[in-house]
Protein backbone atom coordinates (compact mmCIF):
# COMPACT_ATOMS: atom_id res chain seq x y z
CA MET A 1 -38.42 4.86 -29.55
CA VAL A 2 -37.80 6.85 -26.37
CA LYS A 3 -38.76 3.84 -24.21
CA LYS A 4 -36.41 1.64 -26.20
CA ILE A 5 -33.51 4.05 -25.66
CA MET A 6 -34.28 4.25 -21.94
CA LEU A 7 -34.34 0.46 -21.71
CA ILE A 8 -30.97 0.21 -23.45
CA CYS A 9 -29.52 2.82 -21.08
CA ILE A 10 -30.84 0.96 -18.03
CA ILE A 11 -29.42 -2.35 -19.29
CA LEU A 12 -26.06 -0.67 -19.96
CA ILE A 13 -25.95 0.92 -16.50
CA VAL A 14 -26.87 -2.36 -14.78
CA THR A 15 -24.24 -4.22 -16.81
CA ILE A 16 -21.56 -1.72 -15.84
CA LEU A 17 -22.53 -1.92 -12.16
CA ILE A 18 -22.42 -5.71 -12.25
CA LEU A 19 -18.96 -5.58 -13.85
CA ILE A 20 -17.67 -3.08 -11.27
CA LEU A 21 -18.98 -5.11 -8.35
CA SER A 22 -17.78 -8.42 -9.82
CA ILE A 23 -14.22 -7.16 -10.20
CA ASN A 24 -14.35 -5.75 -6.68
CA PHE A 25 -15.53 -9.11 -5.31
CA PHE A 26 -12.80 -10.96 -7.21
CA VAL A 27 -10.03 -8.71 -5.84
CA VAL A 28 -11.29 -9.12 -2.27
CA PHE A 29 -11.97 -12.86 -2.48
CA SER A 30 -8.63 -13.69 -4.13
CA THR A 31 -6.53 -11.93 -1.47
CA LYS A 32 -8.40 -12.27 1.82
CA ASN A 33 -6.38 -15.33 2.89
CA LYS A 34 -3.19 -13.24 2.69
CA ILE A 35 -4.38 -10.89 5.43
CA ILE A 36 -2.86 -12.15 8.65
CA SER A 37 -2.49 -11.15 12.28
CA GLU A 38 0.70 -9.86 13.85
CA GLU A 39 1.09 -13.18 15.65
CA GLU A 40 0.90 -15.04 12.33
CA ALA A 41 3.37 -12.60 10.79
CA LYS A 42 5.92 -13.53 13.46
CA ASN A 43 6.03 -17.03 11.97
CA LEU A 44 7.02 -15.83 8.50
CA GLU A 45 10.61 -16.39 7.43
CA ASN A 46 12.98 -14.42 5.20
CA VAL A 47 10.75 -11.38 4.81
CA ASP A 48 12.70 -8.76 2.87
CA CYS A 49 10.86 -5.78 4.30
CA ILE A 50 7.80 -4.30 5.92
CA LEU A 51 6.17 -1.94 3.43
CA ILE A 52 4.21 0.89 5.08
CA LEU A 53 2.00 2.76 2.64
CA GLY A 54 1.54 6.51 3.04
CA ALA A 55 -1.78 8.04 4.09
CA GLY A 56 -1.34 11.77 4.33
CA ILE A 57 0.38 14.13 6.73
CA TRP A 58 -0.80 17.14 8.71
CA GLY A 59 2.10 19.55 8.59
CA ASP A 60 5.02 17.70 10.12
CA SER A 61 2.88 14.98 11.70
CA PRO A 62 1.28 11.84 10.28
CA SER A 63 -2.49 11.78 9.89
CA PRO A 64 -4.30 9.48 12.36
CA MET A 65 -4.60 6.80 9.69
CA LEU A 66 -0.91 7.02 8.84
CA GLU A 67 0.08 7.07 12.50
CA ASP A 68 -1.70 3.75 13.01
CA ARG A 69 0.08 2.27 10.00
CA LEU A 70 3.42 3.43 11.37
CA LEU A 71 2.76 2.05 14.83
CA GLN A 72 1.74 -1.31 13.39
CA GLY A 73 4.76 -1.46 11.09
CA ILE A 74 7.11 -0.54 13.93
CA SER A 75 5.59 -3.26 16.09
CA LEU A 76 6.22 -5.82 13.34
CA TYR A 77 9.83 -4.64 13.07
CA GLN A 78 10.29 -4.85 16.84
CA ASN A 79 8.90 -8.38 16.76
CA LYS A 80 11.54 -9.29 14.16
CA VAL A 81 9.13 -9.97 11.30
CA SER A 82 11.70 -8.24 9.07
CA PRO A 83 14.88 -6.24 9.71
CA LYS A 84 13.95 -3.55 7.17
CA ILE A 85 11.12 -1.08 6.64
CA ILE A 86 10.18 0.84 3.49
CA MET A 87 8.25 4.06 4.04
CA SER A 88 6.45 4.61 0.76
CA GLY A 89 4.65 7.88 0.15
CA ASP A 90 4.37 11.05 -1.87
CA HIS A 91 7.36 13.37 -1.96
CA THR A 92 7.01 14.64 -5.49
CA ARG A 93 6.60 18.24 -4.32
CA GLU A 94 9.04 20.22 -2.21
CA ASP A 95 6.23 21.41 0.08
CA TYR A 96 4.77 17.95 0.72
CA ASP A 97 6.95 15.22 2.18
CA GLU A 98 5.23 12.12 3.55
CA VAL A 99 8.28 9.90 3.71
CA ASN A 100 10.57 12.05 5.85
CA VAL A 101 7.72 12.52 8.33
CA MET A 102 7.25 8.74 8.35
CA LYS A 103 10.94 8.01 8.84
CA LYS A 104 11.31 10.60 11.60
CA PHE A 105 8.34 9.05 13.39
CA ALA A 106 10.09 5.66 13.32
CA ILE A 107 13.45 7.05 14.46
CA ASP A 108 11.69 8.81 17.34
CA LYS A 109 10.47 5.35 18.36
CA ASP A 110 14.10 4.16 18.54
CA ILE A 111 14.17 2.43 15.15
CA SER A 112 17.64 2.48 13.57
CA SER A 113 17.81 4.95 10.68
CA GLU A 114 19.83 2.43 8.66
CA ASP A 115 16.90 0.02 8.71
CA VAL A 116 14.39 2.53 7.33
CA PHE A 117 14.25 3.19 3.58
CA MET A 118 12.22 5.98 2.01
CA ASP A 119 10.44 5.56 -1.30
CA HIS A 120 9.99 9.19 -2.28
CA ALA A 121 7.89 8.31 -5.34
CA GLY A 122 5.24 6.07 -3.80
CA ILE A 123 2.45 8.21 -5.20
CA SER A 124 -0.05 5.37 -5.59
CA THR A 125 -0.57 1.87 -4.25
CA TYR A 126 0.43 0.40 -7.61
CA ASP A 127 3.57 2.54 -7.86
CA SER A 128 4.61 1.77 -4.27
CA ILE A 129 4.47 -1.98 -4.80
CA TYR A 130 5.98 -1.90 -8.29
CA ARG A 131 8.90 0.14 -6.94
CA ALA A 132 9.30 -2.17 -3.93
CA ARG A 133 9.98 -4.92 -6.45
CA ASP A 134 12.03 -3.11 -9.09
CA ILE A 135 13.82 -0.36 -7.13
CA PHE A 136 14.22 -1.99 -3.73
CA LYS A 137 14.45 -5.58 -5.03
CA ALA A 138 11.97 -6.95 -2.48
CA LYS A 139 10.55 -10.38 -3.24
CA LYS A 140 8.77 -11.22 0.01
CA ILE A 141 7.05 -8.45 1.93
CA VAL A 142 4.54 -7.63 4.63
CA ILE A 143 2.30 -4.72 3.67
CA VAL A 144 0.87 -2.49 6.39
CA THR A 145 -2.22 -0.40 5.79
CA GLN A 146 -5.86 -0.42 6.88
CA LYS A 147 -7.75 -3.61 6.05
CA TYR A 148 -10.05 -2.03 3.45
CA HIS A 149 -6.91 -1.05 1.50
CA LEU A 150 -5.03 -4.32 1.97
CA TYR A 151 -7.09 -6.29 -0.56
CA ARG A 152 -6.04 -4.02 -3.42
CA ALA A 153 -2.42 -3.77 -2.28
CA LEU A 154 -2.14 -7.54 -2.00
CA TYR A 155 -3.75 -8.05 -5.40
CA VAL A 156 -1.25 -5.70 -7.02
CA ALA A 157 1.63 -7.50 -5.28
CA LYS A 158 0.35 -10.90 -6.40
CA SER A 159 -0.03 -9.68 -9.99
CA LEU A 160 3.54 -8.36 -9.96
CA GLY A 161 4.93 -11.67 -8.72
CA ILE A 162 5.70 -10.61 -5.14
CA GLU A 163 5.02 -12.92 -2.22
CA ALA A 164 3.08 -10.57 0.01
CA TYR A 165 1.11 -10.72 3.25
CA GLY A 166 -0.92 -7.96 4.81
CA VAL A 167 -1.34 -6.84 8.41
CA GLY A 168 -4.16 -4.41 9.10
CA ALA A 169 -3.60 -1.18 11.01
CA ASP A 170 -7.18 -0.55 12.10
CA GLN A 171 -6.65 0.92 15.55
CA ARG A 172 -9.61 3.32 15.60
CA LYS A 173 -12.58 4.58 13.60
CA TYR A 174 -11.64 7.05 10.88
CA GLU A 175 -13.73 10.00 9.81
CA GLY A 176 -15.05 9.63 6.27
CA GLN A 177 -14.56 5.85 6.14
CA ILE A 178 -17.85 5.22 4.32
CA PHE A 179 -16.67 7.46 1.49
CA ARG A 180 -13.31 5.65 1.42
CA ASP A 181 -15.02 2.26 1.23
CA ILE A 182 -17.08 3.37 -1.77
CA ARG A 183 -14.10 4.98 -3.49
CA GLU A 184 -12.03 1.85 -2.85
CA ILE A 185 -14.41 -0.23 -4.95
CA LEU A 186 -13.54 1.92 -7.96
CA ALA A 187 -9.84 1.91 -7.02
CA ARG A 188 -9.83 -1.90 -6.95
CA ASP A 189 -11.36 -1.95 -10.43
CA LYS A 190 -8.80 0.57 -11.68
CA ASP A 191 -5.84 -1.42 -10.34
CA TRP A 192 -7.34 -4.67 -11.62
CA PHE A 193 -7.09 -3.23 -15.13
CA LYS A 194 -3.61 -1.88 -14.40
CA CYS A 195 -2.48 -5.34 -13.35
CA ILE A 196 -3.56 -6.70 -16.73
CA PHE A 197 -1.38 -4.27 -18.69
CA LYS A 198 1.27 -3.66 -15.99
CA PRO A 199 2.32 -0.12 -16.99
CA LEU A 200 5.52 1.33 -15.61
CA PRO A 201 5.12 3.46 -12.48
CA THR A 202 5.30 7.23 -12.83
CA TYR A 203 8.93 7.21 -11.64
CA LEU A 204 11.61 4.53 -11.63
CA GLY A 205 15.34 5.09 -11.14
CA ASP A 206 18.45 3.35 -9.87
CA THR A 207 18.09 0.21 -7.79
CA ILE A 208 18.43 0.49 -4.01
CA PRO A 209 18.39 -3.05 -2.57
CA VAL A 210 16.48 -3.14 0.69
CA SER A 211 19.13 -5.47 2.06
CA GLY A 212 21.50 -2.50 2.30
CA ASN A 213 21.56 0.74 4.30
CA GLY A 214 18.38 2.79 4.38
CA ASP A 215 20.29 6.04 4.86
CA VAL A 216 21.13 6.04 1.14
CA THR A 217 17.53 7.19 0.61
CA ASN A 218 17.97 10.20 2.92
CA ASP A 219 17.68 13.58 1.23
CA LYS A 220 18.09 15.77 4.30
């Protein structure tokens, strides 16, 4: 009896692992052709915005990972891939403000404030992309994040009916990347299920078309 129970448990564990890895493979395989270089991005037309996903701040400065995302997104803007940028990050607490740090970084690089929108409620990849569509009315976007994260972001965008391309911001090696890669497998599975049911993001609100003036998102 004990051996039978152990066998059932092993079969169940193996089945779950196969399911987890299969979903992960599907998300990666179905989006990898949407990851493009900066040179390829220059050939895109009518891109509504460059969506830069948040990645943590250290006080009033972006983390190294976020800094690389910002530099890549700014480079795309300067190369006229799109005239607008959305900085999407977590600003749900008064003492933690990713998006103002991100916007200030861009302005310090001589990017016009009017061209930079802040999504103060981009608390997850899914929420950021959902809000890009429903709050900022973006239909065609270029997403900027590290490559390991792009597969999931692009899958969410595809599931939500957004034409999206991804440009990687891998400018250096990041401490703890092995842990992130493992965690990302589970995150891809989680968002795969989310994309089936398409729940509302944590926060919505009034529409702010990205074709307008980014300063309407300023809160300081």
